[in-house]
Protein backbone atom coordinates (compact mmCIF):
# COMPACT_ATOMS: atom_id res chain seq x y z
CA MET A 1 -21.32 -16.16 9.46
CA GLN A 2 -23.89 -13.56 10.89
CA GLN A 3 -21.50 -11.16 11.97
CA ASN A 4 -19.79 -11.44 8.55
CA LEU A 5 -23.24 -10.77 6.68
CA LYS A 6 -23.84 -7.55 9.23
CA GLU A 7 -20.85 -6.01 8.07
CA LYS A 8 -21.17 -6.64 4.38
CA ILE A 9 -24.56 -5.37 4.41
CA LYS A 10 -23.21 -2.31 6.01
CA GLU A 11 -20.36 -1.86 3.47
CA SER A 12 -23.40 -2.36 0.46
CA LEU A 13 -25.83 -0.02 2.51
CA GLY A 14 -22.94 2.87 2.34
CA ALA A 15 -22.26 2.11 -1.40
CA VAL A 16 -25.85 2.04 -2.25
CA LEU A 17 -27.34 4.38 -0.32
CA PRO A 18 -25.83 7.99 -2.22
CA VAL A 19 -27.16 7.11 -5.77
CA THR A 20 -30.91 6.02 -3.95
CA ILE A 21 -30.48 9.76 -2.38
CA ILE A 22 -29.47 11.23 -5.60
CA VAL A 23 -32.39 9.73 -7.80
CA PHE A 24 -34.70 10.88 -4.64
CA VAL A 25 -33.35 14.73 -5.05
CA LEU A 26 -33.92 14.43 -8.86
CA THR A 27 -37.38 12.69 -8.86
CA VAL A 28 -38.47 16.13 -6.30
CA SER A 29 -36.63 18.54 -7.81
CA VAL A 30 -36.14 18.14 -11.59
CA VAL A 31 -37.36 15.27 -13.09
CA PRO A 32 -41.24 14.57 -12.51
CA ALA A 33 -41.38 10.67 -11.71
CA THR A 34 -44.80 9.25 -10.20
CA GLY A 35 -44.48 7.83 -6.20
CA GLU A 36 -44.84 4.36 -7.95
CA MET A 37 -41.72 5.00 -10.04
CA PHE A 38 -39.85 5.87 -7.16
CA PHE A 39 -41.34 3.16 -4.85
CA MET A 40 -39.94 0.60 -7.46
CA PHE A 41 -36.13 2.14 -7.71
CA SER A 42 -36.40 2.04 -3.96
CA VAL A 43 -36.88 -1.30 -3.49
CA GLY A 44 -34.88 -1.67 -6.10
CA ALA A 45 -31.92 -0.23 -4.16
CA VAL A 46 -32.99 -2.41 -0.84
CA MET A 47 -32.76 -5.35 -3.14
CA LEU A 48 -28.86 -4.15 -4.38
CA ILE A 49 -27.83 -3.59 -0.74
CA LEU A 50 -28.88 -7.23 0.23
CA GLY A 51 -27.89 -8.93 -2.66
CA VAL A 52 -24.14 -7.24 -3.25
CA GLY A 53 -24.10 -8.03 0.80
CA LEU A 54 -24.74 -11.78 0.25
CA PHE A 55 -23.11 -11.83 -2.83
CA THR A 56 -19.50 -10.80 -1.14
CA LEU A 57 -19.94 -12.95 1.95
CA GLY A 58 -20.18 -15.76 -0.53
CA ALA A 59 -17.45 -14.83 -3.34
CA ASP A 60 -15.06 -14.57 0.05
CA SER A 61 -15.66 -17.83 1.08
CA SER A 62 -16.22 -19.77 -2.22
CA MET A 63 -15.07 -18.61 -5.41
CA ILE A 64 -11.76 -16.86 -4.47
CA ILE A 65 -10.86 -20.04 -2.96
CA ILE A 66 -11.74 -22.11 -5.88
CA GLY A 67 -9.98 -19.53 -8.19
CA GLU A 68 -6.68 -19.77 -6.07
CA GLU A 69 -6.66 -23.44 -5.38
CA ILE A 70 -7.15 -24.17 -9.54
CA GLY A 71 -5.11 -21.72 -10.26
CA SER A 72 -2.11 -23.07 -7.97
CA LYS A 73 -2.79 -26.98 -8.87
CA ILE A 74 -3.06 -25.95 -12.67
CA THR A 75 0.67 -24.13 -12.85
CA LYS A 76 2.25 -26.98 -10.16
CA LEU A 77 0.97 -29.71 -13.06
CA LYS A 78 3.85 -27.82 -15.53
CA LYS A 79 2.06 -29.35 -18.61
CA ILE A 80 1.56 -26.64 -20.75
CA ARG A 81 -0.56 -29.00 -23.62
CA PHE A 82 -2.92 -29.58 -20.88
CA ILE A 83 -3.16 -26.64 -18.99
CA ILE A 84 -4.00 -24.47 -22.35
CA PRO A 85 -7.30 -26.31 -23.35
CA VAL A 86 -8.30 -26.10 -19.47
CA ILE A 87 -7.72 -22.17 -19.06
CA PHE A 88 -9.24 -21.51 -22.46
CA ILE A 89 -12.83 -23.85 -21.37
CA ILE A 90 -12.66 -22.22 -17.77
CA GLY A 91 -12.62 -18.77 -19.62
CA LEU A 92 -15.26 -19.56 -21.89
CA LEU A 93 -17.76 -21.06 -19.56
CA ILE A 94 -17.42 -18.44 -16.96
CA THR A 95 -18.19 -15.65 -19.77
CA ALA A 96 -20.71 -16.81 -21.22
CA ALA A 97 -22.84 -17.22 -18.18
CA GLU A 98 -21.85 -13.50 -16.90
CA PRO A 99 -25.06 -11.81 -16.39
CA ASP A 100 -23.97 -8.28 -17.51
CA LEU A 101 -23.03 -10.01 -21.11
CA LYS A 102 -26.62 -11.01 -21.81
CA VAL A 103 -28.02 -7.45 -20.12
CA LEU A 104 -25.86 -5.86 -22.92
CA ALA A 105 -26.36 -8.61 -25.74
CA GLU A 106 -29.91 -8.13 -25.89
CA GLN A 107 -30.08 -4.50 -25.55
CA ALA A 108 -27.31 -4.09 -28.53
CA PRO A 109 -28.91 -4.47 -31.55
CA ILE A 110 -26.02 -5.17 -33.73
CA VAL A 111 -26.19 -9.03 -33.90
CA ASP A 112 -27.66 -11.92 -32.66
CA THR A 113 -27.81 -12.56 -29.05
CA ASN A 114 -26.26 -15.39 -28.76
CA VAL A 115 -23.64 -14.88 -31.27
CA LEU A 116 -22.19 -11.72 -29.56
CA ILE A 117 -22.36 -14.04 -26.30
CA TRP A 118 -19.94 -16.66 -27.48
CA SER A 119 -18.02 -14.25 -29.76
CA VAL A 120 -16.74 -12.58 -26.45
CA ALA A 121 -16.62 -16.06 -24.61
CA ILE A 122 -14.38 -16.95 -27.16
CA GLY A 123 -12.56 -13.84 -26.77
CA VAL A 124 -11.50 -14.58 -23.12
CA GLY A 125 -10.91 -17.84 -23.46
CA VAL A 126 -7.89 -16.96 -25.92
CA PHE A 127 -7.12 -14.15 -23.79
CA LEU A 128 -6.95 -16.11 -20.35
CA VAL A 129 -4.73 -18.60 -22.26
CA ILE A 130 -2.68 -15.35 -23.20
CA SER A 131 -2.46 -14.24 -20.02
CA PHE A 132 -1.84 -17.15 -18.31
CA MET A 133 1.38 -17.62 -20.97
CA ARG A 134 2.42 -13.91 -19.33
CA ILE A 135 2.91 -14.99 -16.42
CA PHE A 136 4.42 -18.23 -16.75
CA MET A 137 6.99 -16.80 -19.19
CA GLN A 138 6.92 -13.37 -17.13
CA ILE A 139 6.44 -10.77 -19.99
CA LYS A 140 6.23 -7.24 -18.55
CA MET A 141 2.31 -6.48 -18.27
CA ALA A 142 2.89 -2.71 -20.09
CA LYS A 143 4.77 -4.67 -23.10
CA ILE A 144 2.09 -6.99 -23.83
CA LEU A 145 -1.06 -4.55 -23.33
CA ILE A 146 0.97 -1.79 -25.59
CA ILE A 147 0.96 -4.55 -28.55
CA MET A 148 -2.66 -5.47 -27.74
CA TYR A 149 -4.24 -2.47 -28.13
CA ALA A 150 -1.86 -1.70 -30.95
CA VAL A 151 -3.53 -4.53 -32.43
CA ILE A 152 -7.26 -3.05 -31.42
CA PHE A 153 -7.13 0.37 -32.86
CA ILE A 154 -5.31 -0.77 -36.21
CA ILE A 155 -8.65 -3.07 -36.46
CA VAL A 156 -10.27 0.23 -35.08
CA ILE A 157 -9.41 2.21 -38.25
CA SER A 158 -9.53 -0.16 -40.66
CA PRO A 159 -12.05 0.61 -43.48
CA LEU A 160 -13.56 -3.02 -43.20
CA THR A 161 -15.17 -2.85 -39.60
CA SER A 162 -18.16 -1.84 -39.30
CA LYS A 163 -18.33 1.82 -37.11
CA GLU A 164 -21.84 0.19 -35.37
CA PHE A 165 -19.45 -2.23 -34.06
CA ILE A 166 -16.73 -0.06 -32.46
CA PRO A 167 -19.15 1.21 -29.44
CA VAL A 168 -20.55 -2.16 -28.57
CA ALA A 169 -16.94 -3.65 -28.87
CA PHE A 170 -15.35 -1.65 -26.26
CA ASP A 171 -18.42 -2.23 -24.05
CA SER A 172 -18.54 -5.90 -24.31
CA GLY A 173 -14.49 -5.45 -22.82
CA GLY A 174 -16.42 -3.44 -19.76
CA VAL A 175 -19.30 -5.89 -19.05
CA THR A 176 -17.23 -9.17 -19.71
CA THR A 177 -15.64 -8.41 -16.05
CA GLY A 178 -18.49 -8.40 -14.33
CA PRO A 179 -19.52 -10.00 -10.84
CA ILE A 180 -19.28 -13.68 -11.75
CA THR A 181 -15.96 -13.20 -13.79
CA VAL A 182 -14.09 -10.94 -11.69
CA PRO A 183 -13.54 -12.81 -8.57
CA PHE A 184 -12.71 -16.00 -10.10
CA ILE A 185 -10.45 -14.79 -12.43
CA MET A 186 -8.34 -12.68 -10.19
CA ALA A 187 -8.46 -15.16 -7.72
CA LEU A 188 -7.18 -17.40 -10.68
CA GLY A 189 -4.32 -14.95 -11.12
CA LEU A 190 -3.53 -14.85 -7.63
CA GLY A 191 -3.14 -18.88 -7.86
CA LEU A 192 -1.09 -18.85 -10.74
CA ALA A 193 1.30 -16.42 -9.87
CA SER A 194 1.85 -17.65 -6.36
CA VAL A 195 3.50 -20.83 -6.72
CA ARG A 196 6.63 -18.50 -8.59
CA GLY A 197 7.02 -16.85 -4.96
CA ASP A 198 9.65 -14.09 -6.87
CA LYS A 199 10.04 -10.59 -6.83
CA THR A 200 7.62 -10.07 -9.67
CA GLN A 201 4.71 -12.29 -8.04
CA GLN A 202 2.85 -9.53 -6.70
CA GLU A 203 2.33 -7.28 -9.90
CA ASP A 204 1.87 -10.59 -11.83
CA SER A 205 -1.18 -11.83 -9.63
CA PHE A 206 -3.07 -8.59 -10.92
CA GLY A 207 -3.63 -8.51 -14.91
CA LEU A 208 -5.88 -11.01 -15.80
CA VAL A 209 -8.94 -8.81 -15.49
CA ALA A 210 -7.20 -6.26 -17.82
CA LEU A 211 -5.95 -8.73 -20.89
CA CYS A 212 -9.41 -10.41 -20.23
CA SER A 213 -11.20 -7.41 -21.19
CA ILE A 214 -9.18 -6.84 -24.72
CA GLY A 215 -10.48 -10.33 -25.72
CA PRO A 216 -13.88 -9.25 -26.33
CA ILE A 217 -13.35 -6.16 -28.06
CA ALA A 218 -11.05 -7.72 -30.56
CA THR A 219 -13.58 -10.51 -31.18
CA VAL A 220 -16.33 -8.33 -31.81
CA LEU A 221 -14.28 -5.84 -34.18
CA ILE A 222 -13.62 -8.96 -36.23
CA LEU A 223 -17.31 -9.90 -36.29
CA GLY A 224 -17.77 -6.47 -37.46
CA MET A 225 -15.27 -7.00 -40.02
CA PHE A 226 -17.97 -9.10 -41.29
CA ASN A 227 -20.89 -8.04 -40.94
CA SER A 228 -22.37 -4.76 -41.81
CA VAL A 229 -25.54 -3.15 -40.00
CA ASP A 230 -27.88 -0.80 -41.38
CA ASN A 231 -30.96 1.33 -40.27
CA VAL A 232 -30.95 -0.26 -36.93
CA THR A 233 -32.54 0.91 -33.91
CA ALA A 234 -32.04 -0.17 -30.39
CA ASP A 235 -35.17 -1.65 -28.33
CA LEU A 236 -35.88 0.46 -25.23
CA VAL A 237 -37.17 -0.84 -22.06
CA THR A 238 -40.87 0.13 -21.94
CA ILE A 239 -41.78 1.83 -18.64
CA LYS A 240 -45.24 0.66 -17.17
CA ASP A 241 -47.63 2.93 -15.97
CA TYR A 242 -48.10 1.55 -12.44
CA LYS A 243 -51.65 1.94 -11.01
CA HIS A 244 -50.51 1.54 -7.67
CA ILE A 245 -47.77 0.23 -4.88
CA GLY A 246 -49.13 -3.46 -5.39
CA ASP A 247 -48.33 -3.77 -9.19
CA VAL A 248 -45.15 -2.74 -8.41
CA PHE A 249 -44.24 -5.42 -6.22
CA ALA A 250 -46.19 -7.82 -8.43
CA GLU A 251 -43.30 -7.11 -10.92
CA PHE A 252 -40.34 -8.08 -9.05
CA MET A 253 -42.47 -11.15 -8.30
CA HIS A 254 -42.85 -12.07 -11.77
CA ALA A 255 -39.12 -11.16 -12.87
CA MET A 256 -37.60 -12.87 -9.97
CA PRO A 257 -37.88 -16.46 -11.41
CA GLY A 258 -36.13 -15.70 -14.26
CA TYR A 259 -33.13 -14.21 -12.73
CA PHE A 260 -33.15 -17.44 -10.35
CA LYS A 261 -32.60 -19.16 -13.69
CA GLU A 262 -30.39 -16.75 -15.11
CA ALA A 263 -27.77 -16.86 -12.19
CA ALA A 264 -28.20 -20.60 -11.87
CA VAL A 265 -26.66 -20.36 -15.41
CA ALA A 266 -23.72 -18.32 -14.20
CA VAL A 267 -23.08 -20.04 -10.74
CA VAL A 268 -23.81 -24.15 -11.71
CA PRO A 269 -20.40 -23.98 -14.07
CA ILE A 270 -18.09 -22.89 -11.30
CA ILE A 271 -20.03 -25.35 -9.17
CA LEU A 272 -19.26 -28.39 -11.77
CA LEU A 273 -15.52 -26.93 -11.89
CA PHE A 274 -14.76 -26.90 -8.65
CA LEU A 275 -16.37 -30.33 -7.96
CA ILE A 276 -14.33 -32.27 -11.14
CA PHE A 277 -11.22 -30.25 -10.15
CA ASN A 278 -11.64 -31.49 -6.49
CA PHE A 279 -12.42 -34.91 -7.54
CA PHE A 280 -9.01 -35.35 -9.63
CA SER A 281 -6.60 -32.92 -8.24
CA LEU A 282 -7.54 -30.54 -5.06
CA ARG A 283 -8.79 -33.21 -2.59
CA LEU A 284 -9.87 -30.97 -0.26
CA ASP A 285 -11.55 -32.10 3.23
CA ARG A 286 -14.71 -33.01 3.67
CA LYS A 287 -15.15 -29.35 6.25
CA SER A 288 -13.81 -27.09 3.18
CA ILE A 289 -15.91 -28.63 0.53
CA ILE A 290 -18.85 -27.51 2.70
CA LYS A 291 -17.57 -24.59 3.72
CA ILE A 292 -17.16 -23.63 -0.16
CA LEU A 293 -20.89 -24.90 -1.43
CA ILE A 294 -22.53 -23.04 1.43
CA GLY A 295 -20.29 -19.69 0.00
CA LEU A 296 -21.48 -20.59 -3.47
CA VAL A 297 -25.42 -20.77 -2.32
CA TYR A 298 -25.17 -17.11 -0.68
CA THR A 299 -23.26 -16.22 -3.75
CA TYR A 300 -26.11 -17.31 -5.91
CA LEU A 301 -29.05 -16.06 -3.84
CA GLY A 302 -27.02 -12.57 -3.50
CA LEU A 303 -26.86 -12.46 -7.90
CA VAL A 304 -30.62 -13.50 -7.86
CA ILE A 305 -31.52 -10.39 -5.65
CA PHE A 306 -28.80 -8.11 -7.32
CA LEU A 307 -30.19 -8.75 -10.89
CA THR A 308 -34.02 -8.40 -9.75
CA GLY A 309 -33.48 -5.14 -8.40
CA VAL A 310 -30.90 -3.54 -11.09
CA ASN A 311 -33.01 -4.84 -14.00
CA VAL A 312 -36.46 -4.34 -12.57
CA GLY A 313 -35.70 -1.38 -10.33
CA PHE A 314 -32.84 0.67 -11.78
CA MET A 315 -33.19 0.01 -15.34
CA PRO A 316 -36.61 1.81 -16.32
CA ALA A 317 -35.54 4.92 -13.86
CA GLY A 318 -32.21 5.85 -15.63
CA GLN A 319 -33.64 5.56 -18.84
CA TYR A 320 -36.51 7.31 -17.99
CA ILE A 321 -34.16 9.95 -16.30
CA GLY A 322 -31.98 10.42 -18.90
CA GLU A 323 -34.94 10.83 -21.66
CA TYR A 324 -36.87 13.26 -19.51
CA LEU A 325 -33.56 15.31 -19.25
CA ALA A 326 -32.91 15.27 -23.47
CA GLY A 327 -36.14 16.31 -24.18
CA SER A 328 -37.20 19.21 -21.80
CA GLY A 329 -35.07 21.57 -22.55
CA LYS A 330 -32.50 20.84 -19.75
CA SER A 331 -29.91 18.46 -21.32
CA TYR A 332 -27.44 19.88 -20.01
CA MET A 333 -28.34 19.00 -16.84
CA LEU A 334 -27.18 15.42 -18.14
CA ILE A 335 -23.45 16.46 -17.49
CA PRO A 336 -22.95 17.51 -14.15
CA ILE A 337 -25.97 15.02 -13.23
CA GLY A 338 -24.31 11.94 -14.64
CA MET A 339 -20.74 12.82 -13.26
CA VAL A 340 -22.37 12.95 -9.99
CA ILE A 341 -24.11 9.46 -10.35
CA GLY A 342 -20.95 8.15 -11.52
CA TYR A 343 -19.04 8.76 -8.32
CA PHE A 344 -21.27 7.35 -6.40
CA ILE A 345 -22.41 4.23 -8.57
CA VAL A 346 -19.21 2.71 -8.81
CA ALA A 347 -18.78 1.48 -5.07
CA ALA A 348 -22.10 -0.20 -5.50
CA GLU A 349 -20.37 -2.55 -7.85
CA PRO A 350 -20.11 -5.92 -6.68
CA ALA A 351 -16.67 -6.84 -8.31
CA VAL A 352 -15.48 -3.42 -7.03
CA HIS A 353 -15.44 -4.88 -3.10
CA VAL A 354 -13.40 -7.60 -4.24
CA LEU A 355 -10.34 -5.93 -5.86
CA LYS A 356 -10.19 -3.22 -3.45
CA GLN A 357 -9.82 -6.69 -0.64
CA GLN A 358 -7.52 -8.11 -2.82
CA ALA A 359 -5.11 -5.22 -3.92
CA GLU A 360 -5.25 -3.96 -0.11
CA THR A 361 -4.14 -7.67 0.66
CA VAL A 362 -1.58 -8.80 -2.01
CA THR A 363 0.26 -5.51 -1.60
CA ASP A 364 0.28 -5.53 2.38
CA GLY A 365 -1.62 -2.12 2.60
CA LEU A 366 0.73 -0.45 -0.15
CA ILE A 367 -2.58 0.26 -2.35
CA THR A 368 -5.03 0.55 -0.05
CA GLY A 369 -8.40 -0.40 -0.71
CA LYS A 370 -9.80 3.56 0.48
CA SER A 371 -7.11 5.25 -2.53
CA LEU A 372 -8.12 2.91 -4.72
CA GLY A 373 -11.92 3.71 -4.19
CA ILE A 374 -11.70 7.53 -4.67
CA SER A 375 -9.52 6.60 -7.94
CA LEU A 376 -12.33 4.87 -9.36
CA SER A 377 -14.88 7.30 -8.25
CA ILE A 378 -12.98 9.77 -9.93
CA GLY A 379 -12.40 8.17 -13.14
CA VAL A 380 -15.87 6.91 -13.47
CA ALA A 381 -17.31 10.24 -13.05
CA LEU A 382 -15.40 12.23 -15.80
CA SER A 383 -16.04 9.01 -18.24
CA VAL A 384 -19.78 9.23 -17.62
CA GLY A 385 -19.59 13.03 -18.32
CA ILE A 386 -17.76 12.49 -21.39
CA SER A 387 -20.84 10.09 -22.70
CA MET A 388 -23.35 12.30 -21.92
CA LEU A 389 -21.53 14.79 -23.72
CA ARG A 390 -21.30 12.26 -26.33
CA VAL A 391 -24.68 11.51 -26.39
CA LEU A 392 -26.26 15.26 -27.14
CA THR A 393 -23.11 16.08 -29.35
CA GLY A 394 -22.98 12.94 -31.39
CA ILE A 395 -18.88 13.00 -31.40
CA SER A 396 -17.61 9.71 -32.16
CA ILE A 397 -16.20 7.67 -29.34
CA LEU A 398 -12.82 7.21 -30.75
CA TRP A 399 -12.14 10.90 -30.47
CA PHE A 400 -12.15 10.25 -26.52
CA LEU A 401 -10.83 5.88 -26.91
CA ILE A 402 -7.56 6.47 -28.63
CA PRO A 403 -5.93 9.32 -27.02
CA GLY A 404 -7.30 8.07 -23.83
CA TYR A 405 -5.90 4.77 -23.74
CA ALA A 406 -2.71 6.08 -25.68
CA PHE A 407 -2.17 8.23 -22.66
CA ALA A 408 -2.66 5.37 -19.95
CA LEU A 409 -0.49 2.99 -22.07
CA THR A 410 2.43 5.48 -21.82
CA MET A 411 2.07 6.20 -18.30
CA THR A 412 2.79 2.58 -18.12
CA PHE A 413 6.58 3.51 -18.63
CA PHE A 414 6.61 6.25 -15.69
CA VAL A 415 4.73 4.21 -12.69
CA PRO A 416 5.05 1.20 -10.61
CA ALA A 417 4.20 -1.58 -12.47
CA ILE A 418 1.83 -2.81 -9.61
CA PHE A 419 -0.26 0.01 -10.36
CA THR A 420 -0.31 -0.26 -13.75
CA SER A 421 -1.62 -4.03 -13.63
CA VAL A 422 -4.30 -2.83 -10.72
CA ALA A 423 -5.53 -0.07 -13.16
CA PHE A 424 -6.16 -1.87 -15.83
CA ASP A 425 -8.13 -4.53 -13.67
CA ALA A 426 -10.17 -2.21 -12.03
CA GLY A 427 -10.99 -0.43 -15.37
CA GLY A 428 -12.64 -3.71 -15.90
CA VAL A 429 -14.24 -4.08 -12.67
CA ALA A 430 -15.50 -0.81 -12.36
CA SER A 431 -17.98 -1.09 -15.87
CA GLY A 432 -20.24 -4.07 -14.20
CA PRO A 433 -23.89 -4.68 -13.74
CA MET A 434 -24.70 -1.17 -12.33
CA THR A 435 -23.11 0.55 -15.12
CA ALA A 436 -24.87 -1.89 -18.00
CA THR A 437 -28.64 -1.88 -16.42
CA PHE A 438 -28.55 2.57 -14.96
CA LEU A 439 -25.85 4.28 -16.61
CA LEU A 440 -26.27 2.59 -19.99
CA PRO A 441 -30.05 3.29 -19.89
CA ILE A 442 -29.59 6.69 -18.76
CA ALA A 443 -27.53 7.15 -21.84
CA MET A 444 -30.08 5.15 -24.29
CA GLY A 445 -33.05 7.61 -22.67
CA ALA A 446 -31.37 10.41 -23.42
CA SER A 447 -30.19 9.94 -26.93
CA SER A 448 -33.53 8.76 -28.08
CA GLY A 449 -34.90 12.19 -26.29
CA ALA A 450 -32.26 13.99 -28.23
CA GLY A 451 -33.09 12.08 -31.12
CA GLY A 452 -29.66 11.01 -31.81
CA ASP A 453 -28.49 7.45 -33.19
CA ILE A 454 -28.41 5.29 -30.14
CA THR A 455 -26.01 2.52 -31.09
CA THR A 456 -23.39 4.85 -31.84
CA ASP A 457 -24.00 7.43 -29.49
CA ALA A 458 -25.33 5.72 -25.95
CA PHE A 459 -23.57 2.36 -26.25
CA GLY A 460 -19.73 3.69 -25.59
CA VAL A 461 -20.29 4.58 -22.03
CA VAL A 462 -19.17 1.09 -20.49
CA ALA A 463 -16.58 1.41 -22.39
CA MET A 464 -15.48 4.96 -21.44
CA VAL A 465 -16.15 3.74 -17.80
CA ALA A 466 -13.28 0.97 -18.28
CA MET A 467 -10.77 3.50 -19.75
CA THR A 468 -10.38 6.27 -17.42
CA PRO A 469 -9.63 4.49 -13.91
CA LEU A 470 -6.53 3.41 -16.14
CA ILE A 471 -5.89 6.82 -15.85
CA THR A 472 -6.45 8.16 -12.47
CA ILE A 473 -5.11 5.05 -10.73
CA GLN A 474 -1.60 5.08 -12.69
CA LEU A 475 -1.87 9.04 -12.00
CA LEU A 476 -2.24 8.45 -7.98
CA GLY A 477 0.53 5.75 -8.57
CA LEU A 478 2.54 8.36 -10.11
CA ILE A 479 2.05 11.03 -7.62
CA SER A 480 2.79 8.80 -4.72
CA LEU A 481 5.63 7.69 -6.31
CA LEU A 482 7.18 11.48 -6.60
CA LYS A 483 6.07 11.87 -3.05
CA GLU A 484 8.18 8.66 -1.46
CA LYS A 485 11.02 9.98 -3.55
CA ARG A 486 10.67 13.82 -2.43
CA LYS A 487 10.71 12.05 0.99
CA ILE A 488 13.91 10.00 0.63
CA ILE A 489 15.78 13.21 -1.22
CA ASN A 490 14.66 15.36 1.90
CA ILE A 491 16.27 12.09 4.36
CA SER A 492 19.22 12.22 2.42
CA GLU A 493 19.47 16.34 2.43
CA GLN A 494 19.05 16.05 6.14
CA ALA A 495 22.15 13.49 6.03
CA ALA A 496 24.23 15.23 4.33
CA ALA A 497 23.70 18.47 6.45
CA VAL A 498 25.05 16.73 9.81
CA SER A 499 28.47 16.08 11.04
CA PRO A 500 30.33 13.30 9.93
CA ASP A 501 30.13 12.17 13.48
CA GLU A 502 26.34 12.31 13.44
CA ALA A 503 25.79 10.94 10.12
CA VAL A 504 23.31 8.67 9.22
CA GLU A 505 23.09 5.86 6.95
CA LEU A 506 19.42 5.69 4.84
CA PRO A 507 17.58 2.82 5.60
CA SER A 508 18.31 -0.16 2.89
CA SER A 509 14.66 -0.17 2.11
CA GLU A 510 14.88 3.81 1.01
CA THR A 511 17.71 2.80 -0.93
CA ALA A 512 16.11 0.43 -2.62
CA ALA A 513 12.88 2.72 -3.50
CA ILE A 514 15.02 4.80 -5.60
CA ASN A 515 16.68 2.34 -7.70
CA GLU A 516 13.38 0.47 -8.29
CA GLU A 517 10.09 1.83 -8.63
CA SER A 518 8.45 -1.00 -7.47
CA ASP A 519 9.43 -1.06 -4.26
CA GLY A 520 8.63 1.22 -0.96
CA VAL A 521 5.76 2.93 -2.54
CA VAL A 522 3.17 3.78 0.16
CA LEU A 523 0.09 5.12 -0.98
CA PHE A 524 -1.52 8.18 0.85
CA GLU A 525 -4.42 7.93 3.38
């Protein structure tokens, strides 16, 4: 366990360090931050490194195992009337406890915090049921995505929908799939699909995160059809003037008990769910139960440390950077700086590690974690650049979301199905707590500094982060498919050029790759 922890800490160090270096360079060259503020950010970075390491270590040995076991067991029962309410309740409870969602709900001024949280939770519960039915009925992921997003955008352009709800609705879809939800739901999908054992099992194990991201968008948009928002202002974080380093440590110590409670609210429902299922159905041996419970303790402690670091250390720094750049005559720098931060910050998302590991494991290395990570980074960099442009110009988010999703959904007809499922899952995974507590505050601070409307201009950055990976990862799949087909054609030409006595027969796996796009796709390193 100790060796595994060292490896996880090393991974998280490589993920968090680039963002810390970028902020340090900004504070000594462009943004005049106090030594105490940078020290606070540095302490937050150290907590992120430790928190992500503990969290991923715990998730590997607890939540992923619980999700797989429950998913497999539920499907074997073959009683729809029992399965549907159980899956709905699972989605409802896990989402309501998601820390990312609470962060967004507290920053969004459009509706009461609890109303927004439970509206989103209901949306996830409903769409988790839809996800199960898709796997059970073997409906193609691309078809259901096209139908669902068509309904979403019909609601968006409806004159009954309040425009202030649109950015928050799409942001809700992004933050819902955070560090608690993603490991459990992805493992649940793996468990649900594993009992079938057919050729579509691999691609069907992905997609639950993607569909669960749609549910909150729908419910918040519907909420916006029955609520109007007039003259609202989002509350910005109060940036304190610390006198010395002792005040910085005191701030972390003061905030941490609250996150112990918040993390408990997130983890306890999963513990109770596991114990109930184990008592009535799973019946795991004592050694396995103890291992899972220890893993949940690691998950809990990692989440506490992570949330304290990002909320106390990163959120004020992000807001200060955005506000200073937008109000200092250097607003043009927001776009390139935002893109650089976006490229590196996605690697620090806890759930991204889970996605990369599961994608590489489930596809037997066809989709490598390294390639998936690079595609995510490129996508997030583009999305943050566009978001900063929106903040400075006030362009409606719909000018980017509608063509972006249209292009992403069109690509589903041309890329292997496994890439579509992973891409849409990745969109939800990329928009986690780092986006909600650092990138969103940068956008809010910039909007405030530029004199814009925070509700319509700053909110939406999470939605953009959730959208662009859909395109970049599917493009990666398309390029890989074309390269593989080119390789097969070259082999065919070489075989045709030799004499009949020397003729060679194409391997069956390569022949199959021509006939079926989802087979034989090897992602380049």
